[in-house]
Amino acid sequence: MEFLNSRHLAETDELIGVSEEQAQAEHGINLNNDELLYEMYQDCTWFELKRNQTRSWNYHGLGLRIPLGGGLSYRLGSIQNLNPQARFEYRQISKGKVYLTNKRIIFQGDSENKVVTLKSLLDIEQYNDSCVIGKSTGKKPIIQFELDDAAIFARKLSRLFDTV
């Protein structure tokens, strides 16, 4: 019942932002001018779509060129990149914290940092433990949260998205 109450509050409760100075003092994060920090999520994981493997079949055999006439010829042997196939999969980039401001989604990871501006957002897909962020450029990252934080993040982000 508690998670339903927290989801309801994320949709209806007043959003209270933290100023730039207070965010720097409490969380050690720098914000831009006129930017307010609304929420911070611990223990998040950032995933991005990466090329996993490219498969192609090569034929290496006896090479032979047969002239057909009129400048045309037929070549046998040594055919490369026959039916190339690339597979894509989501790979973990880093683990860290996600900050939600009125202008950006900031990911501060242990190995990489990422920023997505709210103006570049196209859509957000919420799942049980994660959110897929649709941007106007680039690939869609996945942010994986702990417990019920994905639902709260998606609801607050949609409210902030309406203010942009």
N, C-alpha and C. Protein backbone atom coordinates (compact mmCIF):
# COMPACT_ATOMS: atom_id res chain seq x y z
N MET A 1 0.82 -1.19 0.00
CA MET A 1 0.00 0.00 0.00
C MET A 1 0.87 1.26 0.00
N GLU A 2 2.04 1.12 0.64
CA GLU A 2 2.93 2.28 0.74
C GLU A 2 3.45 2.72 -0.64
N PHE A 3 3.74 1.75 -1.53
CA PHE A 3 4.23 2.12 -2.85
C PHE A 3 3.15 2.82 -3.67
N LEU A 4 1.87 2.46 -3.48
CA LEU A 4 0.79 3.17 -4.18
C LEU A 4 0.67 4.60 -3.69
N ASN A 5 0.86 4.79 -2.39
CA ASN A 5 0.82 6.14 -1.83
C ASN A 5 1.96 6.98 -2.37
N SER A 6 3.17 6.41 -2.46
CA SER A 6 4.31 7.17 -2.97
C SER A 6 4.12 7.51 -4.45
N ARG A 7 3.51 6.62 -5.23
CA ARG A 7 3.20 6.93 -6.64
C ARG A 7 2.18 8.06 -6.74
N HIS A 8 1.16 8.01 -5.89
CA HIS A 8 0.14 9.06 -5.90
C HIS A 8 0.76 10.41 -5.53
N LEU A 9 1.62 10.42 -4.52
CA LEU A 9 2.26 11.67 -4.12
C LEU A 9 3.19 12.20 -5.22
N ALA A 10 3.82 11.31 -5.96
CA ALA A 10 4.69 11.74 -7.06
C ALA A 10 3.89 12.44 -8.15
N GLU A 11 2.63 12.06 -8.31
CA GLU A 11 1.79 12.68 -9.33
C GLU A 11 1.08 13.94 -8.85
N THR A 12 0.76 14.01 -7.57
CA THR A 12 -0.09 15.10 -7.09
C THR A 12 0.58 16.07 -6.15
N ASP A 13 1.58 15.64 -5.40
CA ASP A 13 2.22 16.49 -4.41
C ASP A 13 3.00 17.61 -5.09
N GLU A 14 3.14 18.71 -4.41
CA GLU A 14 3.88 19.85 -4.95
C GLU A 14 5.37 19.48 -5.08
N LEU A 15 5.94 19.81 -6.24
CA LEU A 15 7.36 19.56 -6.47
C LEU A 15 8.17 20.68 -5.82
N ILE A 16 9.04 20.30 -4.92
CA ILE A 16 9.87 21.28 -4.22
C ILE A 16 11.30 21.12 -4.69
N GLY A 17 11.83 22.17 -5.29
CA GLY A 17 13.18 22.13 -5.83
C GLY A 17 14.21 22.65 -4.86
N VAL A 18 15.42 22.13 -4.99
CA VAL A 18 16.55 22.54 -4.17
C VAL A 18 17.40 23.48 -5.01
N SER A 19 17.83 24.60 -4.42
CA SER A 19 18.60 25.60 -5.16
C SER A 19 20.00 25.09 -5.49
N GLU A 20 20.69 25.85 -6.33
CA GLU A 20 22.03 25.48 -6.78
C GLU A 20 23.01 25.37 -5.61
N GLU A 21 22.96 26.33 -4.69
CA GLU A 21 23.87 26.32 -3.55
C GLU A 21 23.60 25.14 -2.61
N GLN A 22 22.33 24.87 -2.38
CA GLN A 22 21.97 23.77 -1.50
C GLN A 22 22.31 22.43 -2.13
N ALA A 23 22.14 22.30 -3.45
CA ALA A 23 22.49 21.05 -4.15
C ALA A 23 23.99 20.82 -4.09
N GLN A 24 24.77 21.88 -4.20
CA GLN A 24 26.22 21.76 -4.11
C GLN A 24 26.64 21.33 -2.70
N ALA A 25 26.01 21.90 -1.70
CA ALA A 25 26.37 21.58 -0.32
C ALA A 25 25.93 20.16 0.07
N GLU A 26 24.71 19.77 -0.30
CA GLU A 26 24.17 18.48 0.13
C GLU A 26 24.64 17.30 -0.73
N HIS A 27 24.69 17.51 -2.05
CA HIS A 27 24.96 16.40 -2.96
C HIS A 27 26.27 16.52 -3.73
N GLY A 28 26.89 17.69 -3.67
CA GLY A 28 28.14 17.89 -4.40
C GLY A 28 27.98 17.93 -5.90
N ILE A 29 26.86 18.47 -6.37
CA ILE A 29 26.59 18.54 -7.80
C ILE A 29 26.38 20.00 -8.22
N ASN A 30 26.96 20.34 -9.36
CA ASN A 30 26.83 21.70 -9.88
C ASN A 30 25.63 21.78 -10.82
N LEU A 31 24.83 22.80 -10.62
CA LEU A 31 23.67 23.04 -11.46
C LEU A 31 23.87 24.32 -12.26
N ASN A 32 23.15 24.44 -13.35
CA ASN A 32 23.20 25.65 -14.17
C ASN A 32 22.35 26.74 -13.54
N ASN A 33 22.40 27.93 -14.13
CA ASN A 33 21.58 29.03 -13.64
C ASN A 33 20.10 28.69 -13.79
N ASP A 34 19.30 29.09 -12.85
CA ASP A 34 17.85 28.86 -12.83
C ASP A 34 17.49 27.39 -12.91
N GLU A 35 18.34 26.53 -12.41
CA GLU A 35 18.06 25.09 -12.41
C GLU A 35 17.83 24.64 -10.97
N LEU A 36 16.80 23.84 -10.77
CA LEU A 36 16.47 23.35 -9.44
C LEU A 36 16.54 21.82 -9.44
N LEU A 37 17.07 21.28 -8.35
CA LEU A 37 17.16 19.83 -8.18
C LEU A 37 15.90 19.37 -7.47
N TYR A 38 15.17 18.42 -8.10
CA TYR A 38 13.93 17.93 -7.52
C TYR A 38 14.07 16.57 -6.86
N GLU A 39 14.91 15.73 -7.37
CA GLU A 39 14.99 14.38 -6.82
C GLU A 39 16.37 13.78 -7.08
N MET A 40 16.81 12.90 -6.19
CA MET A 40 18.06 12.17 -6.36
C MET A 40 17.78 10.70 -6.06
N TYR A 41 18.26 9.82 -6.96
CA TYR A 41 18.04 8.38 -6.82
C TYR A 41 19.38 7.69 -6.67
N GLN A 42 19.52 6.88 -5.65
CA GLN A 42 20.75 6.13 -5.38
C GLN A 42 20.73 4.80 -6.13
N ASP A 43 21.88 4.21 -6.30
CA ASP A 43 22.03 2.84 -6.82
C ASP A 43 21.30 2.61 -8.14
N CYS A 44 21.59 3.45 -9.12
CA CYS A 44 21.01 3.31 -10.46
C CYS A 44 22.07 2.77 -11.41
N THR A 45 21.61 2.15 -12.48
CA THR A 45 22.51 1.61 -13.49
C THR A 45 22.10 2.15 -14.84
N TRP A 46 23.09 2.61 -15.63
CA TRP A 46 22.86 3.18 -16.95
C TRP A 46 23.27 2.15 -18.00
N PHE A 47 22.35 1.84 -18.91
CA PHE A 47 22.60 0.91 -20.00
C PHE A 47 22.46 1.64 -21.33
N GLU A 48 23.30 1.28 -22.30
CA GLU A 48 23.20 1.83 -23.64
C GLU A 48 23.26 0.71 -24.66
N LEU A 49 22.65 0.95 -25.80
CA LEU A 49 22.62 -0.02 -26.88
C LEU A 49 23.98 -0.01 -27.59
N LYS A 50 24.64 -1.15 -27.60
CA LYS A 50 25.96 -1.28 -28.22
C LYS A 50 25.96 -2.44 -29.20
N ARG A 51 26.81 -2.33 -30.22
CA ARG A 51 26.96 -3.42 -31.17
C ARG A 51 27.72 -4.55 -30.50
N ASN A 52 27.16 -5.72 -30.54
CA ASN A 52 27.75 -6.85 -29.85
C ASN A 52 28.69 -7.63 -30.76
N GLN A 53 28.21 -7.98 -31.93
CA GLN A 53 28.97 -8.90 -32.75
C GLN A 53 28.54 -8.71 -34.21
N THR A 54 29.49 -8.77 -35.09
CA THR A 54 29.19 -8.75 -36.52
C THR A 54 29.59 -10.08 -37.09
N ARG A 55 28.65 -10.72 -37.74
CA ARG A 55 28.93 -12.02 -38.36
C ARG A 55 28.97 -11.85 -39.87
N SER A 56 29.95 -12.45 -40.47
CA SER A 56 30.01 -12.50 -41.92
C SER A 56 30.74 -13.77 -42.31
N TRP A 57 30.40 -14.28 -43.44
CA TRP A 57 31.02 -15.49 -43.93
C TRP A 57 31.94 -15.13 -45.09
N ASN A 58 33.13 -15.62 -45.04
CA ASN A 58 34.11 -15.36 -46.09
C ASN A 58 34.44 -16.67 -46.80
N TYR A 59 34.65 -16.57 -48.10
CA TYR A 59 35.06 -17.73 -48.88
C TYR A 59 36.45 -17.45 -49.44
N HIS A 60 37.38 -18.28 -49.09
CA HIS A 60 38.73 -18.16 -49.61
C HIS A 60 39.06 -19.45 -50.35
N GLY A 61 39.17 -19.34 -51.60
CA GLY A 61 39.49 -20.52 -52.40
C GLY A 61 40.32 -20.10 -53.61
N LEU A 62 40.36 -20.93 -54.55
CA LEU A 62 41.11 -20.66 -55.77
C LEU A 62 40.47 -19.49 -56.50
N GLY A 63 41.25 -18.47 -56.82
CA GLY A 63 40.75 -17.31 -57.53
C GLY A 63 40.89 -17.49 -59.03
N LEU A 64 39.82 -17.22 -59.76
CA LEU A 64 39.83 -17.39 -61.20
C LEU A 64 38.97 -16.31 -61.82
N ARG A 65 39.47 -15.69 -62.88
CA ARG A 65 38.74 -14.64 -63.56
C ARG A 65 38.46 -15.12 -64.99
N ILE A 66 37.19 -15.11 -65.37
CA ILE A 66 36.79 -15.59 -66.70
C ILE A 66 36.24 -14.39 -67.48
N PRO A 67 36.91 -14.00 -68.59
CA PRO A 67 36.38 -12.89 -69.40
C PRO A 67 35.12 -13.33 -70.16
N LEU A 68 34.09 -12.46 -70.09
CA LEU A 68 32.84 -12.75 -70.78
C LEU A 68 32.70 -11.97 -72.08
N GLY A 69 33.56 -10.99 -72.26
CA GLY A 69 33.52 -10.18 -73.47
C GLY A 69 32.84 -8.85 -73.21
N GLY A 70 33.19 -7.86 -73.99
CA GLY A 70 32.61 -6.53 -73.84
C GLY A 70 33.03 -5.86 -72.55
N GLY A 71 34.19 -6.20 -72.02
CA GLY A 71 34.68 -5.59 -70.78
C GLY A 71 34.11 -6.22 -69.53
N LEU A 72 33.29 -7.24 -69.63
CA LEU A 72 32.72 -7.92 -68.47
C LEU A 72 33.50 -9.19 -68.18
N SER A 73 33.58 -9.49 -66.88
CA SER A 73 34.26 -10.72 -66.48
C SER A 73 33.55 -11.30 -65.27
N TYR A 74 33.81 -12.56 -65.02
CA TYR A 74 33.23 -13.28 -63.89
C TYR A 74 34.38 -13.76 -63.02
N ARG A 75 34.29 -13.50 -61.71
CA ARG A 75 35.38 -13.83 -60.79
C ARG A 75 34.93 -14.94 -59.85
N LEU A 76 35.77 -15.88 -59.61
CA LEU A 76 35.52 -17.00 -58.70
C LEU A 76 36.53 -16.95 -57.56
N GLY A 77 36.09 -17.33 -56.37
CA GLY A 77 36.98 -17.43 -55.21
C GLY A 77 37.12 -16.13 -54.45
N SER A 78 37.51 -16.22 -53.19
CA SER A 78 37.80 -15.11 -52.30
C SER A 78 36.65 -14.09 -52.23
N ILE A 79 35.50 -14.52 -51.76
CA ILE A 79 34.36 -13.64 -51.55
C ILE A 79 34.34 -13.28 -50.06
N GLN A 80 34.24 -11.98 -49.76
CA GLN A 80 34.27 -11.54 -48.37
C GLN A 80 32.97 -10.85 -48.00
N ASN A 81 32.67 -10.85 -46.70
CA ASN A 81 31.50 -10.19 -46.12
C ASN A 81 30.21 -10.62 -46.80
N LEU A 82 30.00 -11.90 -46.83
CA LEU A 82 28.79 -12.46 -47.37
C LEU A 82 27.75 -12.48 -46.26
N ASN A 83 26.63 -11.80 -46.45
CA ASN A 83 25.54 -11.70 -45.47
C ASN A 83 26.02 -11.18 -44.11
N PRO A 84 26.53 -9.95 -44.03
CA PRO A 84 26.95 -9.44 -42.71
C PRO A 84 25.73 -9.19 -41.83
N GLN A 85 25.84 -9.56 -40.57
CA GLN A 85 24.77 -9.36 -39.60
C GLN A 85 25.36 -8.75 -38.33
N ALA A 86 24.80 -7.64 -37.91
CA ALA A 86 25.24 -7.00 -36.67
C ALA A 86 24.15 -7.18 -35.63
N ARG A 87 24.53 -7.58 -34.44
CA ARG A 87 23.60 -7.72 -33.33
C ARG A 87 23.83 -6.59 -32.35
N PHE A 88 22.75 -6.04 -31.84
CA PHE A 88 22.83 -4.97 -30.85
C PHE A 88 22.21 -5.47 -29.55
N GLU A 89 22.81 -5.07 -28.44
CA GLU A 89 22.26 -5.41 -27.13
C GLU A 89 22.60 -4.30 -26.15
N TYR A 90 21.80 -4.21 -25.09
CA TYR A 90 22.05 -3.21 -24.06
C TYR A 90 23.18 -3.69 -23.17
N ARG A 91 24.16 -2.83 -22.98
CA ARG A 91 25.29 -3.12 -22.09
C ARG A 91 25.33 -2.11 -20.95
N GLN A 92 25.75 -2.60 -19.81
CA GLN A 92 25.88 -1.72 -18.65
C GLN A 92 27.06 -0.79 -18.86
N ILE A 93 26.81 0.50 -18.71
CA ILE A 93 27.85 1.51 -18.86
C ILE A 93 28.46 1.85 -17.50
N SER A 94 27.58 2.12 -16.53
CA SER A 94 28.08 2.53 -15.23
C SER A 94 26.97 2.42 -14.18
N LYS A 95 27.37 2.42 -12.91
CA LYS A 95 26.44 2.47 -11.78
C LYS A 95 26.67 3.77 -11.04
N GLY A 96 25.59 4.35 -10.53
CA GLY A 96 25.75 5.61 -9.80
C GLY A 96 24.42 6.20 -9.38
N LYS A 97 24.37 7.54 -9.38
CA LYS A 97 23.20 8.28 -8.93
C LYS A 97 22.57 9.02 -10.10
N VAL A 98 21.25 9.17 -10.03
CA VAL A 98 20.51 9.95 -11.02
C VAL A 98 19.91 11.15 -10.32
N TYR A 99 20.13 12.33 -10.91
CA TYR A 99 19.57 13.57 -10.40
C TYR A 99 18.55 14.07 -11.41
N LEU A 100 17.38 14.45 -10.91
CA LEU A 100 16.32 14.97 -11.75
C LEU A 100 16.14 16.45 -11.45
N THR A 101 16.41 17.28 -12.45
CA THR A 101 16.26 18.72 -12.29
C THR A 101 15.14 19.20 -13.21
N ASN A 102 14.87 20.49 -13.17
CA ASN A 102 13.84 21.03 -14.04
C ASN A 102 14.34 21.23 -15.47
N LYS A 103 15.62 20.97 -15.74
CA LYS A 103 16.17 21.12 -17.09
C LYS A 103 16.88 19.88 -17.61
N ARG A 104 17.34 19.00 -16.71
CA ARG A 104 18.17 17.87 -17.14
C ARG A 104 17.93 16.63 -16.29
N ILE A 105 18.32 15.49 -16.88
CA ILE A 105 18.51 14.24 -16.13
C ILE A 105 20.02 14.06 -16.08
N ILE A 106 20.58 14.02 -14.89
CA ILE A 106 22.03 13.92 -14.72
C ILE A 106 22.35 12.57 -14.10
N PHE A 107 23.20 11.81 -14.77
CA PHE A 107 23.66 10.54 -14.22
C PHE A 107 25.12 10.71 -13.83
N GLN A 108 25.42 10.48 -12.57
CA GLN A 108 26.78 10.59 -12.05
C GLN A 108 27.22 9.18 -11.68
N GLY A 109 27.96 8.55 -12.60
CA GLY A 109 28.36 7.16 -12.42
C GLY A 109 29.76 7.00 -11.88
N ASP A 110 30.10 5.77 -11.53
CA ASP A 110 31.43 5.50 -11.01
C ASP A 110 32.49 5.51 -12.12
N SER A 111 32.10 5.27 -13.38
CA SER A 111 33.08 5.30 -14.47
C SER A 111 32.73 6.31 -15.56
N GLU A 112 31.45 6.69 -15.69
CA GLU A 112 31.02 7.65 -16.71
C GLU A 112 29.89 8.49 -16.18
N ASN A 113 29.79 9.73 -16.70
CA ASN A 113 28.69 10.62 -16.39
C ASN A 113 27.89 10.86 -17.67
N LYS A 114 26.58 11.00 -17.55
CA LYS A 114 25.71 11.23 -18.70
C LYS A 114 24.72 12.33 -18.35
N VAL A 115 24.32 13.09 -19.39
CA VAL A 115 23.34 14.16 -19.22
C VAL A 115 22.35 14.08 -20.37
N VAL A 116 21.06 14.19 -20.04
CA VAL A 116 20.00 14.27 -21.03
C VAL A 116 19.17 15.50 -20.69
N THR A 117 19.06 16.44 -21.62
CA THR A 117 18.25 17.62 -21.37
C THR A 117 16.78 17.28 -21.57
N LEU A 118 15.92 17.94 -20.80
CA LEU A 118 14.49 17.68 -20.91
C LEU A 118 13.95 18.16 -22.25
N LYS A 119 14.60 19.15 -22.86
CA LYS A 119 14.15 19.63 -24.17
C LYS A 119 14.39 18.59 -25.26
N SER A 120 15.36 17.69 -25.06
CA SER A 120 15.66 16.69 -26.08
C SER A 120 14.86 15.40 -25.89
N LEU A 121 14.00 15.34 -24.87
CA LEU A 121 13.20 14.14 -24.62
C LEU A 121 12.05 14.01 -25.60
N LEU A 122 11.84 12.81 -26.09
CA LEU A 122 10.69 12.53 -26.94
C LEU A 122 9.65 11.69 -26.21
N ASP A 123 10.12 10.67 -25.49
CA ASP A 123 9.21 9.82 -24.75
C ASP A 123 9.95 9.12 -23.63
N ILE A 124 9.17 8.50 -22.75
CA ILE A 124 9.73 7.71 -21.67
C ILE A 124 8.86 6.46 -21.52
N GLU A 125 9.51 5.32 -21.46
CA GLU A 125 8.80 4.05 -21.27
C GLU A 125 9.17 3.51 -19.89
N GLN A 126 8.16 3.28 -19.07
CA GLN A 126 8.40 2.79 -17.72
C GLN A 126 8.17 1.29 -17.66
N TYR A 127 9.07 0.59 -17.00
CA TYR A 127 8.94 -0.83 -16.73
C TYR A 127 8.99 -1.03 -15.22
N ASN A 128 8.99 -2.27 -14.77
CA ASN A 128 8.96 -2.54 -13.33
C ASN A 128 10.12 -1.89 -12.58
N ASP A 129 11.33 -2.05 -13.10
CA ASP A 129 12.51 -1.56 -12.39
C ASP A 129 13.35 -0.60 -13.21
N SER A 130 12.87 -0.16 -14.37
CA SER A 130 13.69 0.68 -15.23
C SER A 130 12.83 1.60 -16.09
N CYS A 131 13.50 2.57 -16.71
CA CYS A 131 12.86 3.50 -17.63
C CYS A 131 13.74 3.61 -18.87
N VAL A 132 13.11 3.60 -20.04
CA VAL A 132 13.80 3.82 -21.30
C VAL A 132 13.56 5.27 -21.69
N ILE A 133 14.65 6.00 -21.91
CA ILE A 133 14.57 7.42 -22.20
C ILE A 133 14.70 7.61 -23.71
N GLY A 134 13.66 8.09 -24.36
CA GLY A 134 13.69 8.37 -25.79
C GLY A 134 14.15 9.79 -26.03
N LYS A 135 15.27 9.94 -26.75
CA LYS A 135 15.85 11.27 -27.01
C LYS A 135 15.68 11.61 -28.48
N SER A 136 15.86 12.90 -28.80
CA SER A 136 15.74 13.33 -30.18
C SER A 136 16.95 12.91 -31.01
N THR A 137 18.09 12.74 -30.38
CA THR A 137 19.29 12.27 -31.07
C THR A 137 19.92 11.14 -30.28
N GLY A 138 20.58 10.25 -30.98
CA GLY A 138 21.28 9.16 -30.32
C GLY A 138 20.37 8.00 -29.99
N LYS A 139 20.93 7.06 -29.28
CA LYS A 139 20.21 5.84 -28.91
C LYS A 139 19.48 6.03 -27.59
N LYS A 140 18.50 5.16 -27.37
CA LYS A 140 17.70 5.23 -26.15
C LYS A 140 18.43 4.53 -25.00
N PRO A 141 18.82 5.28 -23.97
CA PRO A 141 19.42 4.62 -22.81
C PRO A 141 18.35 4.04 -21.89
N ILE A 142 18.76 3.08 -21.08
CA ILE A 142 17.90 2.52 -20.04
C ILE A 142 18.51 2.87 -18.70
N ILE A 143 17.68 3.38 -17.80
CA ILE A 143 18.11 3.63 -16.42
C ILE A 143 17.39 2.62 -15.54
N GLN A 144 18.17 1.80 -14.85
CA GLN A 144 17.59 0.80 -13.95
C GLN A 144 17.65 1.33 -12.53
N PHE A 145 16.53 1.24 -11.82
CA PHE A 145 16.40 1.78 -10.47
C PHE A 145 16.25 0.66 -9.46
N GLU A 146 16.32 1.04 -8.20
CA GLU A 146 16.07 0.12 -7.09
C GLU A 146 14.60 0.22 -6.69
N LEU A 147 14.02 -0.89 -6.32
CA LEU A 147 12.65 -0.96 -5.79
C LEU A 147 11.63 -0.27 -6.69
N ASP A 148 10.86 0.67 -6.14
CA ASP A 148 9.77 1.32 -6.87
C ASP A 148 10.18 2.68 -7.42
N ASP A 149 11.47 2.98 -7.45
CA ASP A 149 11.93 4.30 -7.88
C ASP A 149 11.64 4.58 -9.35
N ALA A 150 11.54 3.58 -10.20
CA ALA A 150 11.27 3.80 -11.62
C ALA A 150 9.90 4.45 -11.82
N ALA A 151 8.91 4.01 -11.10
CA ALA A 151 7.57 4.57 -11.22
C ALA A 151 7.53 6.02 -10.74
N ILE A 152 8.20 6.29 -9.64
CA ILE A 152 8.23 7.65 -9.10
C ILE A 152 9.02 8.57 -10.04
N PHE A 153 10.15 8.09 -10.55
CA PHE A 153 10.95 8.87 -11.50
C PHE A 153 10.14 9.21 -12.75
N ALA A 154 9.44 8.24 -13.32
CA ALA A 154 8.65 8.47 -14.54
C ALA A 154 7.53 9.48 -14.30
N ARG A 155 6.88 9.40 -13.16
CA ARG A 155 5.79 10.33 -12.87
C ARG A 155 6.31 11.75 -12.66
N LYS A 156 7.40 11.89 -11.92
CA LYS A 156 7.95 13.23 -11.70
C LYS A 156 8.53 13.80 -12.98
N LEU A 157 9.16 12.96 -13.79
CA LEU A 157 9.72 13.42 -15.06
C LEU A 157 8.61 13.89 -16.00
N SER A 158 7.50 13.18 -16.03
CA SER A 158 6.41 13.60 -16.90
C SER A 158 5.82 14.93 -16.44
N ARG A 159 5.79 15.17 -15.14
CA ARG A 159 5.31 16.45 -14.62
C ARG A 159 6.28 17.58 -14.97
N LEU A 160 7.59 17.30 -14.86
CA LEU A 160 8.58 18.32 -15.21
C LEU A 160 8.62 18.56 -16.71
N PHE A 161 8.37 17.52 -17.48
CA PHE A 161 8.36 17.63 -18.94
C PHE A 161 7.27 18.59 -19.41
N ASP A 162 6.16 18.64 -18.70
CA ASP A 162 5.07 19.53 -19.05
C ASP A 162 5.43 20.99 -18.79
N THR A 163 6.39 21.25 -17.91
CA THR A 163 6.78 22.63 -17.60
C THR A 163 7.81 23.19 -18.57
N VAL A 164 8.44 22.33 -19.36
CA VAL A 164 9.51 22.78 -20.27
C VAL A 164 8.92 23.44 -21.49
